[in-house]
Amino acid sequence: MGVGKSTVGQLLAERLGVGYRDTDEDIVTGQGRTVADIFVDEGEAAFRALEKQTVHRALAEHDGVLALGGGAILDPDTRGLLAAQRVVYLSMDVEEAVKRTGLNAARPLLAVNPRRQWRELMEARRHLYEEVATVVVATDGRTPEEVTRAALDALELKEA
């Protein structure tokens, strides 16, 4: 959350001359409501099922840069599909998250005591992110352009 996946994803796609797609945007477009509204109205389990379908469809249809929501890796089938892909895990620490988002935005999983909840989410998820990651790129204190360059260098990819 707030790591810059949309901004960096778009920059990577631009630099590589490929398309960009964000599965959270796919969900919002398909459902006609925000991710937060889906969480509130239907609960996390319903959202995760919808997210899994959306991610699997996007992986089958899209061959450019694909940005996934932070919880997409919770599903073992999704992690299995990601094993065959180049995956960039954009990492940051809690202090950077506070600077970027204030941890007060419309983030359903951070509604109460956001700092503690962010830390708990990362403790629960970090190993899953690292499991599927081809490379890990720290975003702390870096501009989106610097993160994009670091991702390209780490993946040993050339700009189009």
C-alpha atoms as a PDB file:
ATOM      1  CA  MET A   1       0.000   0.000   0.000  1.00  0.00           C
ATOM      2  CA  GLY A   2       1.447   3.302  -1.065  1.00  0.00           C
ATOM      3  CA  VAL A   3       4.616   1.665  -2.366  1.00  0.00           C
ATOM      4  CA  GLY A   4       4.183   3.197  -5.816  1.00  0.00           C
ATOM      5  CA  LYS A   5       3.163   0.128  -7.799  1.00  0.00           C
ATOM      6  CA  SER A   6       0.861   2.078 -10.115  1.00  0.00           C
ATOM      7  CA  THR A   7       3.345   4.869 -10.799  1.00  0.00           C
ATOM      8  CA  VAL A   8       6.345   2.570 -11.164  1.00  0.00           C
ATOM      9  CA  GLY A   9       4.316   0.029 -13.145  1.00  0.00           C
ATOM     10  CA  GLN A  10       3.283   2.687 -15.642  1.00  0.00           C
ATOM     11  CA  LEU A  11       6.866   3.955 -15.921  1.00  0.00           C
ATOM     12  CA  LEU A  12       8.178   0.405 -16.454  1.00  0.00           C
ATOM     13  CA  ALA A  13       5.597  -0.247 -19.166  1.00  0.00           C
ATOM     14  CA  GLU A  14       6.486   3.030 -20.858  1.00  0.00           C
ATOM     15  CA  ARG A  15      10.233   2.326 -20.734  1.00  0.00           C
ATOM     16  CA  LEU A  16       9.745  -1.225 -22.050  1.00  0.00           C
ATOM     17  CA  GLY A  17       7.246  -0.234 -24.733  1.00  0.00           C
ATOM     18  CA  VAL A  18       4.527  -2.560 -23.434  1.00  0.00           C
ATOM     19  CA  GLY A  19       1.034  -2.149 -22.008  1.00  0.00           C
ATOM     20  CA  TYR A  20       0.196  -1.519 -18.355  1.00  0.00           C
ATOM     21  CA  ARG A  21      -2.681  -3.028 -16.395  1.00  0.00           C
ATOM     22  CA  ASP A  22      -3.670  -2.854 -12.711  1.00  0.00           C
ATOM     23  CA  THR A  23      -5.877  -5.615 -11.301  1.00  0.00           C
ATOM     24  CA  ASP A  24      -7.333  -3.319  -8.621  1.00  0.00           C
ATOM     25  CA  GLU A  25      -8.470  -0.994 -11.421  1.00  0.00           C
ATOM     26  CA  ASP A  26      -9.949  -4.018 -13.234  1.00  0.00           C
ATOM     27  CA  ILE A  27     -11.953  -4.847 -10.102  1.00  0.00           C
ATOM     28  CA  VAL A  28     -13.189  -1.273  -9.631  1.00  0.00           C
ATOM     29  CA  THR A  29     -14.198  -1.021 -13.295  1.00  0.00           C
ATOM     30  CA  GLY A  30     -15.888  -4.422 -13.307  1.00  0.00           C
ATOM     31  CA  GLN A  31     -17.743  -3.890 -10.042  1.00  0.00           C
ATOM     32  CA  GLY A  32     -18.521  -0.189 -10.425  1.00  0.00           C
ATOM     33  CA  ARG A  33     -17.352   0.546  -6.881  1.00  0.00           C
ATOM     34  CA  THR A  34     -14.165   0.973  -4.906  1.00  0.00           C
ATOM     35  CA  VAL A  35     -12.147  -1.790  -3.319  1.00  0.00           C
ATOM     36  CA  ALA A  36     -12.951  -0.271   0.086  1.00  0.00           C
ATOM     37  CA  ASP A  37     -16.686  -0.435  -0.681  1.00  0.00           C
ATOM     38  CA  ILE A  38     -16.401  -4.097  -1.684  1.00  0.00           C
ATOM     39  CA  PHE A  39     -14.595  -4.854   1.588  1.00  0.00           C
ATOM     40  CA  VAL A  40     -17.245  -3.047   3.631  1.00  0.00           C
ATOM     41  CA  ASP A  41     -20.272  -4.398   1.738  1.00  0.00           C
ATOM     42  CA  GLU A  42     -19.170  -7.996   1.148  1.00  0.00           C
ATOM     43  CA  GLY A  43     -16.173  -8.657   3.385  1.00  0.00           C
ATOM     44  CA  GLU A  44     -12.584  -9.602   2.746  1.00  0.00           C
ATOM     45  CA  ALA A  45     -13.276 -13.214   1.707  1.00  0.00           C
ATOM     46  CA  ALA A  46     -15.608 -12.103  -1.104  1.00  0.00           C
ATOM     47  CA  PHE A  47     -13.082  -9.507  -2.242  1.00  0.00           C
ATOM     48  CA  ARG A  48     -10.240 -12.055  -2.255  1.00  0.00           C
ATOM     49  CA  ALA A  49     -12.282 -14.459  -4.406  1.00  0.00           C
ATOM     50  CA  LEU A  50     -12.988 -11.651  -6.870  1.00  0.00           C
ATOM     51  CA  GLU A  51      -9.334 -10.596  -6.769  1.00  0.00           C
ATOM     52  CA  LYS A  52      -8.168 -14.154  -7.511  1.00  0.00           C
ATOM     53  CA  GLN A  53     -10.419 -14.403 -10.589  1.00  0.00           C
ATOM     54  CA  THR A  54      -9.315 -10.979 -11.787  1.00  0.00           C
ATOM     55  CA  VAL A  55      -5.597 -11.683 -11.350  1.00  0.00           C
ATOM     56  CA  HIS A  56      -5.813 -15.074 -13.073  1.00  0.00           C
ATOM     57  CA  ARG A  57      -7.688 -13.554 -16.017  1.00  0.00           C
ATOM     58  CA  ALA A  58      -5.199 -10.670 -16.285  1.00  0.00           C
ATOM     59  CA  LEU A  59      -2.220 -13.045 -16.204  1.00  0.00           C
ATOM     60  CA  ALA A  60      -3.776 -15.040 -19.058  1.00  0.00           C
ATOM     61  CA  GLU A  61      -4.731 -12.005 -21.167  1.00  0.00           C
ATOM     62  CA  HIS A  62      -2.028  -9.393 -20.570  1.00  0.00           C
ATOM     63  CA  ASP A  63       1.610  -9.643 -21.607  1.00  0.00           C
ATOM     64  CA  GLY A  64       2.862  -6.259 -20.411  1.00  0.00           C
ATOM     65  CA  VAL A  65       3.410  -4.863 -16.929  1.00  0.00           C
ATOM     66  CA  LEU A  66       0.749  -6.020 -14.486  1.00  0.00           C
ATOM     67  CA  ALA A  67       0.306  -4.389 -11.075  1.00  0.00           C
ATOM     68  CA  LEU A  68      -1.317  -6.551  -8.411  1.00  0.00           C
ATOM     69  CA  GLY A  69      -3.031  -5.522  -5.216  1.00  0.00           C
ATOM     70  CA  GLY A  70      -1.058  -6.187  -2.042  1.00  0.00           C
ATOM     71  CA  GLY A  71      -3.179  -9.168  -0.995  1.00  0.00           C
ATOM     72  CA  ALA A  72      -3.134 -11.014  -4.323  1.00  0.00           C
ATOM     73  CA  ILE A  73      -0.190 -13.148  -3.187  1.00  0.00           C
ATOM     74  CA  LEU A  74      -2.218 -14.586  -0.306  1.00  0.00           C
ATOM     75  CA  ASP A  75      -3.745 -17.116  -2.691  1.00  0.00           C
ATOM     76  CA  PRO A  76      -1.531 -20.186  -3.288  1.00  0.00           C
ATOM     77  CA  ASP A  77      -2.859 -20.683  -6.846  1.00  0.00           C
ATOM     78  CA  THR A  78      -1.952 -17.108  -7.695  1.00  0.00           C
ATOM     79  CA  ARG A  79       1.532 -17.567  -6.242  1.00  0.00           C
ATOM     80  CA  GLY A  80       1.872 -20.660  -8.416  1.00  0.00           C
ATOM     81  CA  LEU A  81       0.997 -18.687 -11.543  1.00  0.00           C
ATOM     82  CA  LEU A  82       3.407 -15.919 -10.570  1.00  0.00           C
ATOM     83  CA  ALA A  83       6.268 -18.425 -10.351  1.00  0.00           C
ATOM     84  CA  ALA A  84       6.421 -18.424 -14.156  1.00  0.00           C
ATOM     85  CA  GLN A  85       6.558 -14.602 -14.363  1.00  0.00           C
ATOM     86  CA  ARG A  86       9.124 -11.886 -13.725  1.00  0.00           C
ATOM     87  CA  VAL A  87       7.908 -10.340 -10.481  1.00  0.00           C
ATOM     88  CA  VAL A  88       9.205  -7.140  -8.915  1.00  0.00           C
ATOM     89  CA  TYR A  89       8.465  -6.750  -5.212  1.00  0.00           C
ATOM     90  CA  LEU A  90       8.572  -3.060  -4.329  1.00  0.00           C
ATOM     91  CA  SER A  91       9.449  -2.885  -0.639  1.00  0.00           C
ATOM     92  CA  MET A  92       9.320  -0.082   1.918  1.00  0.00           C
ATOM     93  CA  ASP A  93       9.376   0.291   5.670  1.00  0.00           C
ATOM     94  CA  VAL A  94       6.595   1.645   7.858  1.00  0.00           C
ATOM     95  CA  GLU A  95       8.147   5.106   8.207  1.00  0.00           C
ATOM     96  CA  GLU A  96       8.168   5.508   4.434  1.00  0.00           C
ATOM     97  CA  ALA A  97       4.548   4.266   4.302  1.00  0.00           C
ATOM     98  CA  VAL A  98       3.569   6.942   6.819  1.00  0.00           C
ATOM     99  CA  LYS A  99       5.301   9.617   4.742  1.00  0.00           C
ATOM    100  CA  ARG A 100       3.626   8.506   1.527  1.00  0.00           C
ATOM    101  CA  THR A 101       0.098   7.726   2.633  1.00  0.00           C
ATOM    102  CA  GLY A 102      -0.192   9.107   6.132  1.00  0.00           C
ATOM    103  CA  LEU A 103      -1.780   5.699   6.732  1.00  0.00           C
ATOM    104  CA  ASN A 104      -5.096   7.482   6.880  1.00  0.00           C
ATOM    105  CA  ALA A 105      -6.324   6.998   3.326  1.00  0.00           C
ATOM    106  CA  ALA A 106      -9.281   4.783   2.431  1.00  0.00           C
ATOM    107  CA  ARG A 107      -7.485   1.528   3.143  1.00  0.00           C
ATOM    108  CA  PRO A 108      -9.882  -1.019   4.625  1.00  0.00           C
ATOM    109  CA  LEU A 109      -7.204  -3.186   6.210  1.00  0.00           C
ATOM    110  CA  LEU A 110      -5.711  -0.206   8.056  1.00  0.00           C
ATOM    111  CA  ALA A 111      -8.867   1.263   9.556  1.00  0.00           C
ATOM    112  CA  VAL A 112      -7.824   0.933  13.224  1.00  0.00           C
ATOM    113  CA  ASN A 113      -4.290   1.644  14.507  1.00  0.00           C
ATOM    114  CA  PRO A 114      -2.810   1.856  11.011  1.00  0.00           C
ATOM    115  CA  ARG A 115       0.884   1.679  11.986  1.00  0.00           C
ATOM    116  CA  ARG A 116       0.439  -1.522  13.960  1.00  0.00           C
ATOM    117  CA  GLN A 117      -1.832  -3.047  11.321  1.00  0.00           C
ATOM    118  CA  TRP A 118       0.611  -2.140   8.523  1.00  0.00           C
ATOM    119  CA  ARG A 119       3.440  -3.836  10.434  1.00  0.00           C
ATOM    120  CA  GLU A 120       1.303  -6.926  11.087  1.00  0.00           C
ATOM    121  CA  LEU A 121       0.272  -7.129   7.424  1.00  0.00           C
ATOM    122  CA  MET A 122       3.881  -6.895   6.311  1.00  0.00           C
ATOM    123  CA  GLU A 123       5.034  -9.493   8.845  1.00  0.00           C
ATOM    124  CA  ALA A 124       2.342 -11.852   7.545  1.00  0.00           C
ATOM    125  CA  ARG A 125       2.947 -11.125   3.848  1.00  0.00           C
ATOM    126  CA  ARG A 126       6.623 -10.264   3.380  1.00  0.00           C
ATOM    127  CA  HIS A 127       7.725 -13.902   3.029  1.00  0.00           C
ATOM    128  CA  LEU A 128       5.016 -14.438   0.391  1.00  0.00           C
ATOM    129  CA  TYR A 129       6.149 -11.379  -1.565  1.00  0.00           C
ATOM    130  CA  GLU A 130       9.729 -12.625  -1.384  1.00  0.00           C
ATOM    131  CA  GLU A 131       8.641 -16.143  -2.401  1.00  0.00           C
ATOM    132  CA  VAL A 132       7.191 -14.932  -5.715  1.00  0.00           C
ATOM    133  CA  ALA A 133       9.673 -12.122  -6.363  1.00  0.00           C
ATOM    134  CA  THR A 134      12.253 -12.373  -9.095  1.00  0.00           C
ATOM    135  CA  VAL A 135      13.804  -9.209  -7.628  1.00  0.00           C
ATOM    136  CA  VAL A 136      13.209  -6.986  -4.611  1.00  0.00           C
ATOM    137  CA  VAL A 137      13.541  -3.235  -5.093  1.00  0.00           C
ATOM    138  CA  ALA A 138      13.534  -0.933  -2.071  1.00  0.00           C
ATOM    139  CA  THR A 139      11.556   2.251  -2.658  1.00  0.00           C
ATOM    140  CA  ASP A 140      12.454   4.113   0.530  1.00  0.00           C
ATOM    141  CA  GLY A 141      13.784   7.592  -0.221  1.00  0.00           C
ATOM    142  CA  ARG A 142      13.721   7.011  -3.982  1.00  0.00           C
ATOM    143  CA  THR A 143      11.795   8.773  -6.717  1.00  0.00           C
ATOM    144  CA  PRO A 144       9.569   6.710  -9.007  1.00  0.00           C
ATOM    145  CA  GLU A 145      12.152   7.176 -11.762  1.00  0.00           C
ATOM    146  CA  GLU A 146      14.936   5.839  -9.510  1.00  0.00           C
ATOM    147  CA  VAL A 147      12.804   2.833  -8.530  1.00  0.00           C
ATOM    148  CA  THR A 148      11.994   2.166 -12.186  1.00  0.00           C
ATOM    149  CA  ARG A 149      15.683   2.283 -13.149  1.00  0.00           C
ATOM    150  CA  ALA A 150      16.553  -0.036 -10.241  1.00  0.00           C
ATOM    151  CA  ALA A 151      13.847  -2.508 -11.321  1.00  0.00           C
ATOM    152  CA  LEU A 152      15.055  -2.487 -14.937  1.00  0.00           C
ATOM    153  CA  ASP A 153      18.656  -2.973 -13.811  1.00  0.00           C
ATOM    154  CA  ALA A 154      17.730  -5.766 -11.384  1.00  0.00           C
ATOM    155  CA  LEU A 155      15.759  -7.580 -14.097  1.00  0.00           C
ATOM    156  CA  GLU A 156      18.515  -6.839 -16.618  1.00  0.00           C
ATOM    157  CA  LEU A 157      15.954  -5.436 -19.036  1.00  0.00           C
ATOM    158  CA  LYS A 158      16.584  -2.822 -21.685  1.00  0.00           C
ATOM    159  CA  GLU A 159      14.319   0.101 -22.389  1.00  0.00           C
ATOM    160  CA  ALA A 160      12.446   0.059 -25.695  1.00  0.00           C
END
